[in-house]
Amino acid sequence: MDEIQTIAALAALAQATRLQTFRLLVAREPDGVPAGELARLIGVPQNTMSAHLSILANAGLVRGDRQSRSIIYRSDLERFREVTLYLIRDCCGGNAELCAPLIKELTPCCPPKEAAHSS
């Protein structure tokens, strides 16, 4: 992950419909959502959704997989992780104390699967 890729990802998410779409796709992992259903759920015309999905895909945040006549879109959580880690590493400048409160706040929301199942 580099600065240009990070800027592209952040720019793609810096629009309400695209952010809503990405959040919806993350919530629907790993199943994904057909493009037409995404448009219906978000409340935009299908051609508008196609344009937004193209921007998100070009930024590497979503991918579409053809299944018969439909394209099922999924979030690329690995790319999202890379963007997040880039920002944390870059913003903290190697100073772990600066990031510790942020990491502590993020940890309770997303426990690892092993920890979530062992409770």
PDB file of N, CA and C in Angstrom:
ATOM      1  N   MET A   1       0.859  -1.168   0.000  1.00  0.00           N
ATOM      2  CA  MET A   1       0.000   0.000   0.000  1.00  0.00           C
ATOM      3  C   MET A   1       0.898   1.221   0.000  1.00  0.00           C
ATOM      4  N   ASP A   2       0.571   2.156  -0.871  1.00  0.00           N
ATOM      5  CA  ASP A   2       1.338   3.390  -0.913  1.00  0.00           C
ATOM      6  C   ASP A   2       0.387   4.584  -0.817  1.00  0.00           C
ATOM      7  N   GLU A   3       0.957   5.764  -0.842  1.00  0.00           N
ATOM      8  CA  GLU A   3       0.170   6.981  -0.671  1.00  0.00           C
ATOM      9  C   GLU A   3      -0.879   7.150  -1.772  1.00  0.00           C
ATOM     10  N   ILE A   4      -0.515   6.891  -3.017  1.00  0.00           N
ATOM     11  CA  ILE A   4      -1.449   7.065  -4.135  1.00  0.00           C
ATOM     12  C   ILE A   4      -2.631   6.105  -4.011  1.00  0.00           C
ATOM     13  N   GLN A   5      -2.363   4.854  -3.672  1.00  0.00           N
ATOM     14  CA  GLN A   5      -3.437   3.873  -3.492  1.00  0.00           C
ATOM     15  C   GLN A   5      -4.333   4.243  -2.322  1.00  0.00           C
ATOM     16  N   THR A   6      -3.747   4.736  -1.260  1.00  0.00           N
ATOM     17  CA  THR A   6      -4.526   5.145  -0.091  1.00  0.00           C
ATOM     18  C   THR A   6      -5.417   6.330  -0.425  1.00  0.00           C
ATOM     19  N   ILE A   7      -4.882   7.294  -1.137  1.00  0.00           N
ATOM     20  CA  ILE A   7      -5.683   8.451  -1.537  1.00  0.00           C
ATOM     21  C   ILE A   7      -6.840   8.017  -2.428  1.00  0.00           C
ATOM     22  N   ALA A   8      -6.588   7.095  -3.355  1.00  0.00           N
ATOM     23  CA  ALA A   8      -7.657   6.598  -4.237  1.00  0.00           C
ATOM     24  C   ALA A   8      -8.757   5.924  -3.432  1.00  0.00           C
ATOM     25  N   ALA A   9      -8.378   5.119  -2.443  1.00  0.00           N
ATOM     26  CA  ALA A   9      -9.376   4.432  -1.612  1.00  0.00           C
ATOM     27  C   ALA A   9     -10.173   5.435  -0.783  1.00  0.00           C
ATOM     28  N   LEU A  10      -9.495   6.385  -0.182  1.00  0.00           N
ATOM     29  CA  LEU A  10     -10.193   7.376   0.631  1.00  0.00           C
ATOM     30  C   LEU A  10     -11.089   8.261  -0.228  1.00  0.00           C
ATOM     31  N   ALA A  11     -10.616   8.623  -1.421  1.00  0.00           N
ATOM     32  CA  ALA A  11     -11.433   9.436  -2.331  1.00  0.00           C
ATOM     33  C   ALA A  11     -12.686   8.676  -2.757  1.00  0.00           C
ATOM     34  N   ALA A  12     -12.539   7.379  -2.984  1.00  0.00           N
ATOM     35  CA  ALA A  12     -13.702   6.570  -3.375  1.00  0.00           C
ATOM     36  C   ALA A  12     -14.741   6.530  -2.260  1.00  0.00           C
ATOM     37  N   LEU A  13     -14.297   6.521  -1.026  1.00  0.00           N
ATOM     38  CA  LEU A  13     -15.220   6.464   0.112  1.00  0.00           C
ATOM     39  C   LEU A  13     -15.737   7.841   0.531  1.00  0.00           C
ATOM     40  N   ALA A  14     -15.191   8.897  -0.051  1.00  0.00           N
ATOM     41  CA  ALA A  14     -15.549  10.260   0.344  1.00  0.00           C
ATOM     42  C   ALA A  14     -16.780  10.770  -0.398  1.00  0.00           C
ATOM     43  N   GLN A  15     -17.734   9.902  -0.588  1.00  0.00           N
ATOM     44  CA  GLN A  15     -19.004  10.255  -1.229  1.00  0.00           C
ATOM     45  C   GLN A  15     -20.059   9.386  -0.565  1.00  0.00           C
ATOM     46  N   ALA A  16     -21.192   9.958  -0.221  1.00  0.00           N
ATOM     47  CA  ALA A  16     -22.189   9.279   0.619  1.00  0.00           C
ATOM     48  C   ALA A  16     -22.675   7.949   0.037  1.00  0.00           C
ATOM     49  N   THR A  17     -23.038   7.904  -1.230  1.00  0.00           N
ATOM     50  CA  THR A  17     -23.565   6.662  -1.809  1.00  0.00           C
ATOM     51  C   THR A  17     -22.509   5.574  -1.816  1.00  0.00           C
ATOM     52  N   ARG A  18     -21.274   5.934  -2.151  1.00  0.00           N
ATOM     53  CA  ARG A  18     -20.207   4.928  -2.171  1.00  0.00           C
ATOM     54  C   ARG A  18     -19.884   4.439  -0.767  1.00  0.00           C
ATOM     55  N   LEU A  19     -19.874   5.333   0.211  1.00  0.00           N
ATOM     56  CA  LEU A  19     -19.627   4.911   1.586  1.00  0.00           C
ATOM     57  C   LEU A  19     -20.749   3.987   2.066  1.00  0.00           C
ATOM     58  N   GLN A  20     -21.998   4.335   1.781  1.00  0.00           N
ATOM     59  CA  GLN A  20     -23.128   3.474   2.158  1.00  0.00           C
ATOM     60  C   GLN A  20     -23.017   2.110   1.483  1.00  0.00           C
ATOM     61  N   THR A  21     -22.636   2.116   0.220  1.00  0.00           N
ATOM     62  CA  THR A  21     -22.498   0.867  -0.526  1.00  0.00           C
ATOM     63  C   THR A  21     -21.402   0.004   0.077  1.00  0.00           C
ATOM     64  N   PHE A  22     -20.261   0.594   0.362  1.00  0.00           N
ATOM     65  CA  PHE A  22     -19.159  -0.166   0.954  1.00  0.00           C
ATOM     66  C   PHE A  22     -19.551  -0.734   2.308  1.00  0.00           C
ATOM     67  N   ARG A  23     -20.190   0.076   3.136  1.00  0.00           N
ATOM     68  CA  ARG A  23     -20.610  -0.391   4.459  1.00  0.00           C
ATOM     69  C   ARG A  23     -21.615  -1.535   4.346  1.00  0.00           C
ATOM     70  N   LEU A  24     -22.534  -1.435   3.400  1.00  0.00           N
ATOM     71  CA  LEU A  24     -23.506  -2.498   3.178  1.00  0.00           C
ATOM     72  C   LEU A  24     -22.811  -3.779   2.737  1.00  0.00           C
ATOM     73  N   LEU A  25     -21.849  -3.649   1.833  1.00  0.00           N
ATOM     74  CA  LEU A  25     -21.126  -4.835   1.368  1.00  0.00           C
ATOM     75  C   LEU A  25     -20.313  -5.480   2.492  1.00  0.00           C
ATOM     76  N   VAL A  26     -19.715  -4.679   3.342  1.00  0.00           N
ATOM     77  CA  VAL A  26     -18.980  -5.225   4.487  1.00  0.00           C
ATOM     78  C   VAL A  26     -19.949  -6.001   5.388  1.00  0.00           C
ATOM     79  N   ALA A  27     -21.115  -5.436   5.616  1.00  0.00           N
ATOM     80  CA  ALA A  27     -22.108  -6.103   6.474  1.00  0.00           C
ATOM     81  C   ALA A  27     -22.613  -7.402   5.857  1.00  0.00           C
ATOM     82  N   ARG A  28     -22.563  -7.517   4.539  1.00  0.00           N
ATOM     83  CA  ARG A  28     -23.076  -8.705   3.849  1.00  0.00           C
ATOM     84  C   ARG A  28     -21.979  -9.714   3.507  1.00  0.00           C
ATOM     85  N   GLU A  29     -20.796  -9.536   4.053  1.00  0.00           N
ATOM     86  CA  GLU A  29     -19.727 -10.510   3.825  1.00  0.00           C
ATOM     87  C   GLU A  29     -20.083 -11.821   4.497  1.00  0.00           C
ATOM     88  N   PRO A  30     -19.761 -12.955   3.934  1.00  0.00           N
ATOM     89  CA  PRO A  30     -19.025 -13.147   2.683  1.00  0.00           C
ATOM     90  C   PRO A  30     -19.932 -13.334   1.465  1.00  0.00           C
ATOM     91  N   ASP A  31     -21.231 -13.222   1.651  1.00  0.00           N
ATOM     92  CA  ASP A  31     -22.177 -13.549   0.585  1.00  0.00           C
ATOM     93  C   ASP A  31     -22.160 -12.567  -0.578  1.00  0.00           C
ATOM     94  N   GLY A  32     -21.976 -11.293  -0.310  1.00  0.00           N
ATOM     95  CA  GLY A  32     -22.036 -10.287  -1.353  1.00  0.00           C
ATOM     96  C   GLY A  32     -23.473  -9.934  -1.710  1.00  0.00           C
ATOM     97  N   VAL A  33     -23.616  -8.993  -2.635  1.00  0.00           N
ATOM     98  CA  VAL A  33     -24.930  -8.491  -3.034  1.00  0.00           C
ATOM     99  C   VAL A  33     -24.915  -8.250  -4.538  1.00  0.00           C
ATOM    100  N   PRO A  34     -25.949  -8.705  -5.246  1.00  0.00           N
ATOM    101  CA  PRO A  34     -26.036  -8.394  -6.677  1.00  0.00           C
ATOM    102  C   PRO A  34     -26.163  -6.884  -6.895  1.00  0.00           C
ATOM    103  N   ALA A  35     -25.636  -6.421  -8.014  1.00  0.00           N
ATOM    104  CA  ALA A  35     -25.624  -4.981  -8.316  1.00  0.00           C
ATOM    105  C   ALA A  35     -27.019  -4.377  -8.282  1.00  0.00           C
ATOM    106  N   GLY A  36     -27.996  -5.048  -8.870  1.00  0.00           N
ATOM    107  CA  GLY A  36     -29.359  -4.518  -8.888  1.00  0.00           C
ATOM    108  C   GLY A  36     -29.941  -4.382  -7.497  1.00  0.00           C
ATOM    109  N   GLU A  37     -29.659  -5.351  -6.643  1.00  0.00           N
ATOM    110  CA  GLU A  37     -30.154  -5.281  -5.266  1.00  0.00           C
ATOM    111  C   GLU A  37     -29.462  -4.152  -4.501  1.00  0.00           C
ATOM    112  N   LEU A  38     -28.168  -3.945  -4.761  1.00  0.00           N
ATOM    113  CA  LEU A  38     -27.463  -2.826  -4.129  1.00  0.00           C
ATOM    114  C   LEU A  38     -28.135  -1.506  -4.480  1.00  0.00           C
ATOM    115  N   ALA A  39     -28.458  -1.335  -5.755  1.00  0.00           N
ATOM    116  CA  ALA A  39     -29.114  -0.103  -6.192  1.00  0.00           C
ATOM    117  C   ALA A  39     -30.442   0.075  -5.477  1.00  0.00           C
ATOM    118  N   ARG A  40     -31.200  -1.000  -5.371  1.00  0.00           N
ATOM    119  CA  ARG A  40     -32.504  -0.938  -4.696  1.00  0.00           C
ATOM    120  C   ARG A  40     -32.339  -0.619  -3.217  1.00  0.00           C
ATOM    121  N   LEU A  41     -31.405  -1.284  -2.551  1.00  0.00           N
ATOM    122  CA  LEU A  41     -31.206  -1.087  -1.110  1.00  0.00           C
ATOM    123  C   LEU A  41     -30.719   0.327  -0.785  1.00  0.00           C
ATOM    124  N   ILE A  42     -29.857   0.864  -1.636  1.00  0.00           N
ATOM    125  CA  ILE A  42     -29.316   2.205  -1.406  1.00  0.00           C
ATOM    126  C   ILE A  42     -30.276   3.280  -1.908  1.00  0.00           C
ATOM    127  N   GLY A  43     -31.121   2.908  -2.871  1.00  0.00           N
ATOM    128  CA  GLY A  43     -32.112   3.846  -3.378  1.00  0.00           C
ATOM    129  C   GLY A  43     -31.600   4.741  -4.498  1.00  0.00           C
ATOM    130  N   VAL A  44     -30.803   4.164  -5.386  1.00  0.00           N
ATOM    131  CA  VAL A  44     -30.307   4.913  -6.541  1.00  0.00           C
ATOM    132  C   VAL A  44     -30.593   4.127  -7.814  1.00  0.00           C
ATOM    133  N   PRO A  45     -30.643   4.796  -8.965  1.00  0.00           N
ATOM    134  CA  PRO A  45     -30.831   4.076 -10.228  1.00  0.00           C
ATOM    135  C   PRO A  45     -29.667   3.105 -10.485  1.00  0.00           C
ATOM    136  N   GLN A  46     -29.962   2.037 -11.221  1.00  0.00           N
ATOM    137  CA  GLN A  46     -28.926   1.024 -11.467  1.00  0.00           C
ATOM    138  C   GLN A  46     -27.713   1.584 -12.194  1.00  0.00           C
ATOM    139  N   ASN A  47     -27.919   2.490 -13.155  1.00  0.00           N
ATOM    140  CA  ASN A  47     -26.761   3.044 -13.865  1.00  0.00           C
ATOM    141  C   ASN A  47     -25.897   3.908 -12.937  1.00  0.00           C
ATOM    142  N   THR A  48     -26.534   4.590 -12.001  1.00  0.00           N
ATOM    143  CA  THR A  48     -25.789   5.371 -11.014  1.00  0.00           C
ATOM    144  C   THR A  48     -24.987   4.442 -10.110  1.00  0.00           C
ATOM    145  N   MET A  49     -25.608   3.337  -9.675  1.00  0.00           N
ATOM    146  CA  MET A  49     -24.908   2.366  -8.833  1.00  0.00           C
ATOM    147  C   MET A  49     -23.732   1.771  -9.586  1.00  0.00           C
ATOM    148  N   SER A  50     -23.907   1.492 -10.862  1.00  0.00           N
ATOM    149  CA  SER A  50     -22.806   0.939 -11.663  1.00  0.00           C
ATOM    150  C   SER A  50     -21.611   1.882 -11.670  1.00  0.00           C
ATOM    151  N   ALA A  51     -21.873   3.175 -11.805  1.00  0.00           N
ATOM    152  CA  ALA A  51     -20.782   4.157 -11.794  1.00  0.00           C
ATOM    153  C   ALA A  51     -20.078   4.172 -10.436  1.00  0.00           C
ATOM    154  N   HIS A  52     -20.853   4.117  -9.355  1.00  0.00           N
ATOM    155  CA  HIS A  52     -20.251   4.099  -8.015  1.00  0.00           C
ATOM    156  C   HIS A  52     -19.445   2.821  -7.786  1.00  0.00           C
ATOM    157  N   LEU A  53     -19.981   1.693  -8.222  1.00  0.00           N
ATOM    158  CA  LEU A  53     -19.269   0.424  -8.061  1.00  0.00           C
ATOM    159  C   LEU A  53     -17.970   0.420  -8.856  1.00  0.00           C
ATOM    160  N   SER A  54     -17.987   1.045 -10.006  1.00  0.00           N
ATOM    161  CA  SER A  54     -16.771   1.142 -10.820  1.00  0.00           C
ATOM    162  C   SER A  54     -15.691   1.931 -10.090  1.00  0.00           C
ATOM    163  N   ILE A  55     -16.070   3.017  -9.463  1.00  0.00           N
ATOM    164  CA  ILE A  55     -15.108   3.826  -8.704  1.00  0.00           C
ATOM    165  C   ILE A  55     -14.555   3.037  -7.522  1.00  0.00           C
ATOM    166  N   LEU A  56     -15.431   2.349  -6.805  1.00  0.00           N
ATOM    167  CA  LEU A  56     -14.987   1.530  -5.667  1.00  0.00           C
ATOM    168  C   LEU A  56     -14.086   0.386  -6.130  1.00  0.00           C
ATOM    169  N   ALA A  57     -14.423  -0.225  -7.260  1.00  0.00           N
ATOM    170  CA  ALA A  57     -13.613  -1.320  -7.794  1.00  0.00           C
ATOM    171  C   ALA A  57     -12.247  -0.822  -8.255  1.00  0.00           C
ATOM    172  N   ASN A  58     -12.214   0.334  -8.917  1.00  0.00           N
ATOM    173  CA  ASN A  58     -10.938   0.902  -9.361  1.00  0.00           C
ATOM    174  C   ASN A  58     -10.033   1.239  -8.183  1.00  0.00           C
ATOM    175  N   ALA A  59     -10.627   1.564  -7.044  1.00  0.00           N
ATOM    176  CA  ALA A  59      -9.849   1.843  -5.827  1.00  0.00           C
ATOM    177  C   ALA A  59      -9.474   0.554  -5.099  1.00  0.00           C
ATOM    178  N   GLY A  60      -9.981  -0.575  -5.579  1.00  0.00           N
ATOM    179  CA  GLY A  60      -9.647  -1.863  -4.967  1.00  0.00           C
ATOM    180  C   GLY A  60     -10.474  -2.216  -3.753  1.00  0.00           C
ATOM    181  N   LEU A  61     -11.538  -1.473  -3.486  1.00  0.00           N
ATOM    182  CA  LEU A  61     -12.334  -1.700  -2.279  1.00  0.00           C
ATOM    183  C   LEU A  61     -13.456  -2.716  -2.461  1.00  0.00           C
ATOM    184  N   VAL A  62     -13.879  -2.943  -3.698  1.00  0.00           N
ATOM    185  CA  VAL A  62     -14.897  -3.960  -3.974  1.00  0.00           C
ATOM    186  C   VAL A  62     -14.475  -4.734  -5.216  1.00  0.00           C
ATOM    187  N   ARG A  63     -15.061  -5.907  -5.353  1.00  0.00           N
ATOM    188  CA  ARG A  63     -14.846  -6.701  -6.554  1.00  0.00           C
ATOM    189  C   ARG A  63     -16.162  -7.337  -6.950  1.00  0.00           C
ATOM    190  N   GLY A  64     -16.336  -7.519  -8.220  1.00  0.00           N
ATOM    191  CA  GLY A  64     -17.543  -8.140  -8.733  1.00  0.00           C
ATOM    192  C   GLY A  64     -17.230  -9.494  -9.327  1.00  0.00           C
ATOM    193  N   ASP A  65     -18.034 -10.479  -8.986  1.00  0.00           N
ATOM    194  CA  ASP A  65     -17.881 -11.834  -9.509  1.00  0.00           C
ATOM    195  C   ASP A  65     -19.145 -12.194 -10.275  1.00  0.00           C
ATOM    196  N   ARG A  66     -18.977 -12.552 -11.542  1.00  0.00           N
ATOM    197  CA  ARG A  66     -20.124 -12.912 -12.364  1.00  0.00           C
ATOM    198  C   ARG A  66     -20.640 -14.281 -11.938  1.00  0.00           C
ATOM    199  N   GLN A  67     -21.949 -14.323 -11.700  1.00  0.00           N
ATOM    200  CA  GLN A  67     -22.650 -15.576 -11.416  1.00  0.00           C
ATOM    201  C   GLN A  67     -23.860 -15.606 -12.341  1.00  0.00           C
ATOM    202  N   SER A  68     -23.739 -16.407 -13.384  1.00  0.00           N
ATOM    203  CA  SER A  68     -24.777 -16.490 -14.395  1.00  0.00           C
ATOM    204  C   SER A  68     -24.954 -15.107 -15.027  1.00  0.00           C
ATOM    205  N   ARG A  69     -26.134 -14.524 -14.907  1.00  0.00           N
ATOM    206  CA  ARG A  69     -26.387 -13.211 -15.517  1.00  0.00           C
ATOM    207  C   ARG A  69     -26.175 -12.051 -14.555  1.00  0.00           C
ATOM    208  N   SER A  70     -25.870 -12.363 -13.313  1.00  0.00           N
ATOM    209  CA  SER A  70     -25.695 -11.324 -12.295  1.00  0.00           C
ATOM    210  C   SER A  70     -24.220 -11.122 -11.963  1.00  0.00           C
ATOM    211  N   ILE A  71     -23.929  -9.952 -11.464  1.00  0.00           N
ATOM    212  CA  ILE A  71     -22.607  -9.698 -10.890  1.00  0.00           C
ATOM    213  C   ILE A  71     -22.823  -9.488  -9.399  1.00  0.00           C
ATOM    214  N   ILE A  72     -22.170 -10.333  -8.615  1.00  0.00           N
ATOM    215  CA  ILE A  72     -22.255 -10.255  -7.157  1.00  0.00           C
ATOM    216  C   ILE A  72     -21.056  -9.441  -6.672  1.00  0.00           C
ATOM    217  N   TYR A  73     -21.335  -8.372  -5.946  1.00  0.00           N
ATOM    218  CA  TYR A  73     -20.273  -7.516  -5.427  1.00  0.00           C
ATOM    219  C   TYR A  73     -19.984  -7.853  -3.979  1.00  0.00           C
ATOM    220  N   ARG A  74     -18.695  -7.814  -3.671  1.00  0.00           N
ATOM    221  CA  ARG A  74     -18.213  -8.062  -2.309  1.00  0.00           C
ATOM    222  C   ARG A  74     -17.184  -6.986  -1.962  1.00  0.00           C
ATOM    223  N   SER A  75     -17.103  -6.681  -0.687  1.00  0.00           N
ATOM    224  CA  SER A  75     -16.054  -5.756  -0.243  1.00  0.00           C
ATOM    225  C   SER A  75     -14.728  -6.511  -0.241  1.00  0.00           C
ATOM    226  N   ASP A  76     -13.660  -5.791  -0.485  1.00  0.00           N
ATOM    227  CA  ASP A  76     -12.326  -6.379  -0.397  1.00  0.00           C
ATOM    228  C   ASP A  76     -11.763  -5.989   0.966  1.00  0.00           C
ATOM    229  N   LEU A  77     -12.002  -6.846   1.940  1.00  0.00           N
ATOM    230  CA  LEU A  77     -11.602  -6.533   3.311  1.00  0.00           C
ATOM    231  C   LEU A  77     -10.091  -6.501   3.477  1.00  0.00           C
ATOM    232  N   GLU A  78      -9.373  -7.248   2.660  1.00  0.00           N
ATOM    233  CA  GLU A  78      -7.911  -7.198   2.727  1.00  0.00           C
ATOM    234  C   GLU A  78      -7.415  -5.815   2.315  1.00  0.00           C
ATOM    235  N   ARG A  79      -7.987  -5.260   1.282  1.00  0.00           N
ATOM    236  CA  ARG A  79      -7.592  -3.917   0.833  1.00  0.00           C
ATOM    237  C   ARG A  79      -7.953  -2.876   1.897  1.00  0.00           C
ATOM    238  N   PHE A  80      -9.128  -3.027   2.501  1.00  0.00           N
ATOM    239  CA  PHE A  80      -9.540  -2.111   3.568  1.00  0.00           C
ATOM    240  C   PHE A  80      -8.571  -2.201   4.744  1.00  0.00           C
ATOM    241  N   ARG A  81      -8.140  -3.408   5.067  1.00  0.00           N
ATOM    242  CA  ARG A  81      -7.159  -3.599   6.131  1.00  0.00           C
ATOM    243  C   ARG A  81      -5.850  -2.887   5.778  1.00  0.00           C
ATOM    244  N   GLU A  82      -5.417  -3.017   4.519  1.00  0.00           N
ATOM    245  CA  GLU A  82      -4.182  -2.366   4.081  1.00  0.00           C
ATOM    246  C   GLU A  82      -4.275  -0.842   4.198  1.00  0.00           C
ATOM    247  N   VAL A  83      -5.416  -0.286   3.804  1.00  0.00           N
ATOM    248  CA  VAL A  83      -5.612   1.170   3.913  1.00  0.00           C
ATOM    249  C   VAL A  83      -5.560   1.596   5.374  1.00  0.00           C
ATOM    250  N   THR A  84      -6.267   0.869   6.212  1.00  0.00           N
ATOM    251  CA  THR A  84      -6.314   1.194   7.640  1.00  0.00           C
ATOM    252  C   THR A  84      -4.925   1.107   8.267  1.00  0.00           C
ATOM    253  N   LEU A  85      -4.204   0.025   7.971  1.00  0.00           N
ATOM    254  CA  LEU A  85      -2.858  -0.125   8.529  1.00  0.00           C
ATOM    255  C   LEU A  85      -1.910   0.949   8.008  1.00  0.00           C
ATOM    256  N   TYR A  86      -2.045   1.308   6.747  1.00  0.00           N
ATOM    257  CA  TYR A  86      -1.210   2.372   6.195  1.00  0.00           C
ATOM    258  C   TYR A  86      -1.425   3.661   6.980  1.00  0.00           C
ATOM    259  N   LEU A  87      -2.686   4.001   7.221  1.00  0.00           N
ATOM    260  CA  LEU A  87      -2.984   5.235   7.952  1.00  0.00           C
ATOM    261  C   LEU A  87      -2.463   5.174   9.384  1.00  0.00           C
ATOM    262  N   ILE A  88      -2.662   4.054  10.035  1.00  0.00           N
ATOM    263  CA  ILE A  88      -2.208   3.932  11.428  1.00  0.00           C
ATOM    264  C   ILE A  88      -0.693   3.998  11.506  1.00  0.00           C
ATOM    265  N   ARG A  89      -0.024   3.252  10.646  1.00  0.00           N
ATOM    266  CA  ARG A  89       1.443   3.246  10.675  1.00  0.00           C
ATOM    267  C   ARG A  89       2.003   4.607  10.297  1.00  0.00           C
ATOM    268  N   ASP A  90       1.423   5.209   9.264  1.00  0.00           N
ATOM    269  CA  ASP A  90       1.921   6.492   8.792  1.00  0.00           C
ATOM    270  C   ASP A  90       1.643   7.598   9.804  1.00  0.00           C
ATOM    271  N   CYS A  91       0.441   7.627  10.336  1.00  0.00           N
ATOM    272  CA  CYS A  91       0.063   8.701  11.252  1.00  0.00           C
ATOM    273  C   CYS A  91       0.784   8.601  12.585  1.00  0.00           C
ATOM    274  N   CYS A  92       1.115   7.412  13.005  1.00  0.00           N
ATOM    275  CA  CYS A  92       1.792   7.249  14.288  1.00  0.00           C
ATOM    276  C   CYS A  92       3.295   7.455  14.168  1.00  0.00           C
ATOM    277  N   GLY A  93       3.815   7.440  12.969  1.00  0.00           N
ATOM    278  CA  GLY A  93       5.237   7.685  12.758  1.00  0.00           C
ATOM    279  C   GLY A  93       6.138   6.775  13.566  1.00  0.00           C
ATOM    280  N   GLY A  94       5.703   5.548  13.790  1.00  0.00           N
ATOM    281  CA  GLY A  94       6.519   4.613  14.544  1.00  0.00           C
ATOM    282  C   GLY A  94       6.414   4.772  16.048  1.00  0.00           C
ATOM    283  N   ASN A  95       5.584   5.672  16.521  1.00  0.00           N
ATOM    284  CA  ASN A  95       5.428   5.904  17.953  1.00  0.00           C
ATOM    285  C   ASN A  95       4.192   5.153  18.442  1.00  0.00           C
ATOM    286  N   ALA A  96       4.404   3.986  19.016  1.00  0.00           N
ATOM    287  CA  ALA A  96       3.312   3.110  19.435  1.00  0.00           C
ATOM    288  C   ALA A  96       2.390   3.780  20.455  1.00  0.00           C
ATOM    289  N   GLU A  97       2.924   4.666  21.292  1.00  0.00           N
ATOM    290  CA  GLU A  97       2.087   5.318  22.301  1.00  0.00           C
ATOM    291  C   GLU A  97       0.992   6.165  21.659  1.00  0.00           C
ATOM    292  N   LEU A  98       1.270   6.753  20.506  1.00  0.00           N
ATOM    293  CA  LEU A  98       0.270   7.569  19.829  1.00  0.00           C
ATOM    294  C   LEU A  98      -0.899   6.727  19.319  1.00  0.00           C
ATOM    295  N   CYS A  99      -0.609   5.516  18.882  1.00  0.00           N
ATOM    296  CA  CYS A  99      -1.652   4.650  18.313  1.00  0.00           C
ATOM    297  C   CYS A  99      -2.361   3.798  19.359  1.00  0.00           C
ATOM    298  N   ALA A 100      -1.779   3.622  20.510  1.00  0.00           N
ATOM    299  CA  ALA A 100      -2.349   2.717  21.507  1.00  0.00           C
ATOM    300  C   ALA A 100      -3.817   3.020  21.822  1.00  0.00           C
ATOM    301  N   PRO A 101      -4.227   4.272  22.053  1.00  0.00           N
ATOM    302  CA  PRO A 101      -5.642   4.526  22.337  1.00  0.00           C
ATOM    303  C   PRO A 101      -6.552   4.157  21.152  1.00  0.00           C
ATOM    304  N   LEU A 102      -6.107   4.418  19.952  1.00  0.00           N
ATOM    305  CA  LEU A 102      -6.890   4.068  18.773  1.00  0.00           C
ATOM    306  C   LEU A 102      -7.046   2.555  18.650  1.00  0.00           C
ATOM    307  N   ILE A 103      -5.946   1.844  18.803  1.00  0.00           N
ATOM    308  CA  ILE A 103      -5.989   0.383  18.694  1.00  0.00           C
ATOM    309  C   ILE A 103      -6.850  -0.205  19.802  1.00  0.00           C
ATOM    310  N   LYS A 104      -6.753   0.332  21.000  1.00  0.00           N
ATOM    311  CA  LYS A 104      -7.570  -0.147  22.106  1.00  0.00           C
ATOM    312  C   LYS A 104      -9.057   0.056  21.808  1.00  0.00           C
ATOM    313  N   GLU A 105      -9.395   1.193  21.220  1.00  0.00           N
ATOM    314  CA  GLU A 105     -10.790   1.486  20.890  1.00  0.00           C
ATOM    315  C   GLU A 105     -11.309   0.592  19.770  1.00  0.00           C
ATOM    316  N   LEU A 106     -10.468   0.226  18.817  1.00  0.00           N
ATOM    317  CA  LEU A 106     -10.868  -0.628  17.699  1.00  0.00           C
ATOM    318  C   LEU A 106     -11.014  -2.089  18.107  1.00  0.00           C
ATOM    319  N   THR A 107     -10.209  -2.543  19.016  1.00  0.00           N
ATOM    320  CA  THR A 107     -10.170  -3.956  19.375  1.00  0.00           C
ATOM    321  C   THR A 107     -11.507  -4.512  19.861  1.00  0.00           C
ATOM    322  N   PRO A 108     -12.242  -3.856  20.757  1.00  0.00           N
ATOM    323  CA  PRO A 108     -13.504  -4.447  21.221  1.00  0.00           C
ATOM    324  C   PRO A 108     -14.557  -4.610  20.122  1.00  0.00           C
ATOM    325  N   CYS A 109     -14.499  -3.788  19.080  1.00  0.00           N
ATOM    326  CA  CYS A 109     -15.526  -3.877  18.052  1.00  0.00           C
ATOM    327  C   CYS A 109     -15.317  -5.064  17.140  1.00  0.00           C
ATOM    328  N   CYS A 110     -14.138  -5.552  17.046  1.00  0.00           N
ATOM    329  CA  CYS A 110     -13.834  -6.580  16.047  1.00  0.00           C
ATOM    330  C   CYS A 110     -12.968  -7.675  16.639  1.00  0.00           C
ATOM    331  N   PRO A 111     -13.488  -8.484  17.583  1.00  0.00           N
ATOM    332  CA  PRO A 111     -12.646  -9.513  18.180  1.00  0.00           C
ATOM    333  C   PRO A 111     -12.300 -10.584  17.138  1.00  0.00           C
ATOM    334  N   PRO A 112     -11.107 -11.165  17.232  1.00  0.00           N
ATOM    335  CA  PRO A 112     -10.758 -12.250  16.328  1.00  0.00           C
ATOM    336  C   PRO A 112     -11.760 -13.403  16.470  1.00  0.00           C
ATOM    337  N   LYS A 113     -11.969 -14.152  15.397  1.00  0.00           N
ATOM    338  CA  LYS A 113     -12.963 -15.228  15.425  1.00  0.00           C
ATOM    339  C   LYS A 113     -12.691 -16.250  16.524  1.00  0.00           C
ATOM    340  N   GLU A 114     -11.406 -16.563  16.764  1.00  0.00           N
ATOM    341  CA  GLU A 114     -11.074 -17.532  17.799  1.00  0.00           C
ATOM    342  C   GLU A 114     -11.552 -17.035  19.168  1.00  0.00           C
ATOM    343  N   ALA A 115     -11.304 -15.747  19.453  1.00  0.00           N
ATOM    344  CA  ALA A 115     -11.706 -15.178  20.743  1.00  0.00           C
ATOM    345  C   ALA A 115     -13.219 -15.109  20.850  1.00  0.00           C
ATOM    346  N   ALA A 116     -13.885 -14.794  19.761  1.00  0.00           N
ATOM    347  CA  ALA A 116     -15.333 -14.685  19.779  1.00  0.00           C
ATOM    348  C   ALA A 116     -15.996 -16.042  20.019  1.00  0.00           C
ATOM    349  N   HIS A 117     -15.376 -17.112  19.533  1.00  0.00           N
ATOM    350  CA  HIS A 117     -15.955 -18.440  19.701  1.00  0.00           C
ATOM    351  C   HIS A 117     -15.574 -19.095  21.020  1.00  0.00           C
ATOM    352  N   SER A 118     -14.486 -18.635  21.632  1.00  0.00           N
ATOM    353  CA  SER A 118     -14.032 -19.277  22.858  1.00  0.00           C
ATOM    354  C   SER A 118     -14.767 -18.764  24.095  1.00  0.00           C
ATOM    355  N   SER A 119     -15.572 -17.728  23.945  1.00  0.00           N
ATOM    356  CA  SER A 119     -16.291 -17.176  25.110  1.00  0.00           C
ATOM    357  C   SER A 119     -17.429 -18.046  25.528  1.00  0.00           C
TER     358      SER A 119
END
